[in-house]
Amino acid sequence: PCLHMGSCVDNSRILVALNAIAEALGVDIPDLPVFGSAPEAMSSKAVSIGTWFVTQGVNVHLGVVPPVLGSEAVAKLLTEDLERLVGARFVVEPDPKKAAELILEHIDRKRRMLGLPA
């Protein structure tokens, strides 16, 4: 596992690396054992960067409930329907221990699916 905490410009580099890894393994990005996390609302950019990651196939955890979840239709789109469309979705979980468990379960499942040790 890798935990990266860097500046916004690093996010594009992360996706470049994920593209290279996916290509080398002959899979798509949603098949990789990766997960993004924005545990705090540091800036408004967190959700926009997270949206970019989700559209690229990386699940993203949000530790702060975003204001867009006030709409049932939007909440369902972001936390359920996008997974069917792009292979990833937002996971909203304010409890850091529960969030860590969800993230690790996802990573372990994706590793097993790739035949890697969990």
C-alpha atoms as a PDB file:
ATOM      1  CA  PRO A   1       0.000   0.000   0.000  1.00  0.00           C
ATOM      2  CA  CYS A   2       1.037   3.558  -0.687  1.00  0.00           C
ATOM      3  CA  LEU A   3      -0.176   6.652   1.099  1.00  0.00           C
ATOM      4  CA  HIS A   4       0.502   9.848  -0.796  1.00  0.00           C
ATOM      5  CA  MET A   5      -0.125  13.284   0.638  1.00  0.00           C
ATOM      6  CA  GLY A   6       0.958  16.005  -1.711  1.00  0.00           C
ATOM      7  CA  SER A   7      -0.026  19.091  -3.587  1.00  0.00           C
ATOM      8  CA  CYS A   8      -2.750  19.355  -6.194  1.00  0.00           C
ATOM      9  CA  VAL A   9      -0.309  19.097  -9.088  1.00  0.00           C
ATOM     10  CA  ASP A  10       0.683  15.640  -7.852  1.00  0.00           C
ATOM     11  CA  ASN A  11      -2.791  14.346  -8.633  1.00  0.00           C
ATOM     12  CA  SER A  12      -2.166  14.447 -12.370  1.00  0.00           C
ATOM     13  CA  ARG A  13       1.103  12.570 -11.827  1.00  0.00           C
ATOM     14  CA  ILE A  14      -0.733   9.927  -9.816  1.00  0.00           C
ATOM     15  CA  LEU A  15      -3.149   9.319 -12.688  1.00  0.00           C
ATOM     16  CA  VAL A  16      -0.267   9.152 -15.171  1.00  0.00           C
ATOM     17  CA  ALA A  17       1.302   6.466 -12.966  1.00  0.00           C
ATOM     18  CA  LEU A  18      -2.013   4.616 -12.646  1.00  0.00           C
ATOM     19  CA  ASN A  19      -2.433   4.650 -16.430  1.00  0.00           C
ATOM     20  CA  ALA A  20       1.056   3.183 -16.854  1.00  0.00           C
ATOM     21  CA  ILE A  21       0.429   0.486 -14.225  1.00  0.00           C
ATOM     22  CA  ALA A  22      -2.946  -0.429 -15.727  1.00  0.00           C
ATOM     23  CA  GLU A  23      -1.419  -0.633 -19.196  1.00  0.00           C
ATOM     24  CA  ALA A  24       1.458  -2.811 -17.960  1.00  0.00           C
ATOM     25  CA  LEU A  25      -1.004  -5.178 -16.250  1.00  0.00           C
ATOM     26  CA  GLY A  26      -3.381  -5.180 -19.216  1.00  0.00           C
ATOM     27  CA  VAL A  27      -6.309  -3.901 -17.148  1.00  0.00           C
ATOM     28  CA  ASP A  28      -8.311  -0.709 -16.779  1.00  0.00           C
ATOM     29  CA  ILE A  29      -7.801   1.785 -13.937  1.00  0.00           C
ATOM     30  CA  PRO A  30     -11.003   0.665 -12.131  1.00  0.00           C
ATOM     31  CA  ASP A  31      -9.399  -2.796 -11.809  1.00  0.00           C
ATOM     32  CA  LEU A  32      -6.418  -1.463  -9.838  1.00  0.00           C
ATOM     33  CA  PRO A  33      -6.202  -1.704  -6.034  1.00  0.00           C
ATOM     34  CA  VAL A  34      -6.280   2.045  -5.460  1.00  0.00           C
ATOM     35  CA  PHE A  35      -8.527   4.462  -3.604  1.00  0.00           C
ATOM     36  CA  GLY A  36      -8.425   8.241  -3.217  1.00  0.00           C
ATOM     37  CA  SER A  37      -9.348  10.010   0.001  1.00  0.00           C
ATOM     38  CA  ALA A  38     -10.169  13.568   0.995  1.00  0.00           C
ATOM     39  CA  PRO A  39     -10.732  13.127   4.745  1.00  0.00           C
ATOM     40  CA  GLU A  40     -11.136  16.864   5.359  1.00  0.00           C
ATOM     41  CA  ALA A  41     -12.558  19.694   3.303  1.00  0.00           C
ATOM     42  CA  MET A  42      -9.256  21.515   2.911  1.00  0.00           C
ATOM     43  CA  SER A  43     -10.540  23.502  -0.048  1.00  0.00           C
ATOM     44  CA  SER A  44     -13.268  23.468  -2.643  1.00  0.00           C
ATOM     45  CA  LYS A  45     -10.779  21.773  -4.937  1.00  0.00           C
ATOM     46  CA  ALA A  46     -11.081  18.492  -3.004  1.00  0.00           C
ATOM     47  CA  VAL A  47     -14.441  17.626  -4.540  1.00  0.00           C
ATOM     48  CA  SER A  48     -13.451  18.795  -8.031  1.00  0.00           C
ATOM     49  CA  ILE A  49     -10.207  16.793  -7.961  1.00  0.00           C
ATOM     50  CA  GLY A  50     -12.120  13.872  -6.481  1.00  0.00           C
ATOM     51  CA  THR A  51     -14.624  14.097  -9.315  1.00  0.00           C
ATOM     52  CA  TRP A  52     -11.786  13.942 -11.815  1.00  0.00           C
ATOM     53  CA  PHE A  53     -10.406  10.835 -10.070  1.00  0.00           C
ATOM     54  CA  VAL A  54     -13.830   9.170 -10.042  1.00  0.00           C
ATOM     55  CA  THR A  55     -14.308   9.849 -13.766  1.00  0.00           C
ATOM     56  CA  GLN A  56     -10.943   8.168 -14.362  1.00  0.00           C
ATOM     57  CA  GLY A  57     -12.060   5.062 -12.449  1.00  0.00           C
ATOM     58  CA  VAL A  58     -10.674   5.663  -8.956  1.00  0.00           C
ATOM     59  CA  ASN A  59     -13.047   5.476  -5.986  1.00  0.00           C
ATOM     60  CA  VAL A  60     -12.783   8.527  -3.735  1.00  0.00           C
ATOM     61  CA  HIS A  61     -13.584   8.779  -0.041  1.00  0.00           C
ATOM     62  CA  LEU A  62     -14.941  12.071   1.303  1.00  0.00           C
ATOM     63  CA  GLY A  63     -14.719  12.535   5.063  1.00  0.00           C
ATOM     64  CA  VAL A  64     -16.971  15.578   5.061  1.00  0.00           C
ATOM     65  CA  VAL A  65     -20.480  15.318   3.664  1.00  0.00           C
ATOM     66  CA  PRO A  66     -20.564  17.598   0.602  1.00  0.00           C
ATOM     67  CA  PRO A  67     -23.518  19.966   0.165  1.00  0.00           C
ATOM     68  CA  VAL A  68     -24.544  18.239  -3.080  1.00  0.00           C
ATOM     69  CA  LEU A  69     -25.855  15.247  -1.129  1.00  0.00           C
ATOM     70  CA  GLY A  70     -28.952  17.273  -0.231  1.00  0.00           C
ATOM     71  CA  SER A  71     -30.420  16.077  -3.510  1.00  0.00           C
ATOM     72  CA  GLU A  72     -31.427  12.415  -3.438  1.00  0.00           C
ATOM     73  CA  ALA A  73     -30.886  12.105  -7.205  1.00  0.00           C
ATOM     74  CA  VAL A  74     -27.401  13.659  -7.083  1.00  0.00           C
ATOM     75  CA  ALA A  75     -26.438  11.612  -4.017  1.00  0.00           C
ATOM     76  CA  LYS A  76     -27.447   8.398  -5.780  1.00  0.00           C
ATOM     77  CA  LEU A  77     -25.546   9.398  -8.916  1.00  0.00           C
ATOM     78  CA  LEU A  78     -22.342  10.206  -7.033  1.00  0.00           C
ATOM     79  CA  THR A  79     -22.367   7.329  -4.547  1.00  0.00           C
ATOM     80  CA  GLU A  80     -23.929   4.524  -6.602  1.00  0.00           C
ATOM     81  CA  ASP A  81     -24.685   5.087 -10.286  1.00  0.00           C
ATOM     82  CA  LEU A  82     -21.281   6.416 -11.324  1.00  0.00           C
ATOM     83  CA  GLU A  83     -19.703   3.058 -10.483  1.00  0.00           C
ATOM     84  CA  ARG A  84     -21.750   1.420 -13.230  1.00  0.00           C
ATOM     85  CA  LEU A  85     -20.904   4.216 -15.678  1.00  0.00           C
ATOM     86  CA  VAL A  86     -17.183   4.844 -15.038  1.00  0.00           C
ATOM     87  CA  GLY A  87     -16.122   2.068 -12.657  1.00  0.00           C
ATOM     88  CA  ALA A  88     -15.802   4.265  -9.573  1.00  0.00           C
ATOM     89  CA  ARG A  89     -17.847   6.328  -7.141  1.00  0.00           C
ATOM     90  CA  PHE A  90     -17.669   8.594  -4.116  1.00  0.00           C
ATOM     91  CA  VAL A  91     -17.812   7.009  -0.670  1.00  0.00           C
ATOM     92  CA  VAL A  92     -18.892   9.434   2.052  1.00  0.00           C
ATOM     93  CA  GLU A  93     -17.785   8.319   5.512  1.00  0.00           C
ATOM     94  CA  PRO A  94     -17.004  10.845   8.278  1.00  0.00           C
ATOM     95  CA  ASP A  95     -15.723   8.185  10.712  1.00  0.00           C
ATOM     96  CA  PRO A  96     -12.001   7.737   9.908  1.00  0.00           C
ATOM     97  CA  LYS A  97     -11.822   4.165  11.217  1.00  0.00           C
ATOM     98  CA  LYS A  98     -14.821   3.065   9.168  1.00  0.00           C
ATOM     99  CA  ALA A  99     -13.396   4.870   6.138  1.00  0.00           C
ATOM    100  CA  ALA A 100     -10.047   3.099   6.542  1.00  0.00           C
ATOM    101  CA  GLU A 101     -11.817  -0.260   6.779  1.00  0.00           C
ATOM    102  CA  LEU A 102     -13.819   0.437   3.606  1.00  0.00           C
ATOM    103  CA  ILE A 103     -10.709   1.544   1.734  1.00  0.00           C
ATOM    104  CA  LEU A 104      -8.651  -1.464   2.833  1.00  0.00           C
ATOM    105  CA  GLU A 105     -11.466  -3.889   1.958  1.00  0.00           C
ATOM    106  CA  HIS A 106     -11.636  -2.371  -1.524  1.00  0.00           C
ATOM    107  CA  ILE A 107      -7.863  -2.587  -2.003  1.00  0.00           C
ATOM    108  CA  ASP A 108      -7.733  -6.200  -0.786  1.00  0.00           C
ATOM    109  CA  ARG A 109     -10.623  -7.197  -3.072  1.00  0.00           C
ATOM    110  CA  LYS A 110      -8.999  -5.586  -6.118  1.00  0.00           C
ATOM    111  CA  ARG A 111      -5.648  -7.244  -5.287  1.00  0.00           C
ATOM    112  CA  ARG A 112      -7.328 -10.661  -5.097  1.00  0.00           C
ATOM    113  CA  MET A 113      -9.074 -10.025  -8.417  1.00  0.00           C
ATOM    114  CA  LEU A 114      -5.658  -9.361  -9.980  1.00  0.00           C
ATOM    115  CA  GLY A 115      -4.167 -12.473  -8.389  1.00  0.00           C
ATOM    116  CA  LEU A 116      -1.998 -10.433  -6.029  1.00  0.00           C
ATOM    117  CA  PRO A 117      -1.633 -11.292  -2.341  1.00  0.00           C
ATOM    118  CA  ALA A 118      -4.075  -9.327  -0.208  1.00  0.00           C
END
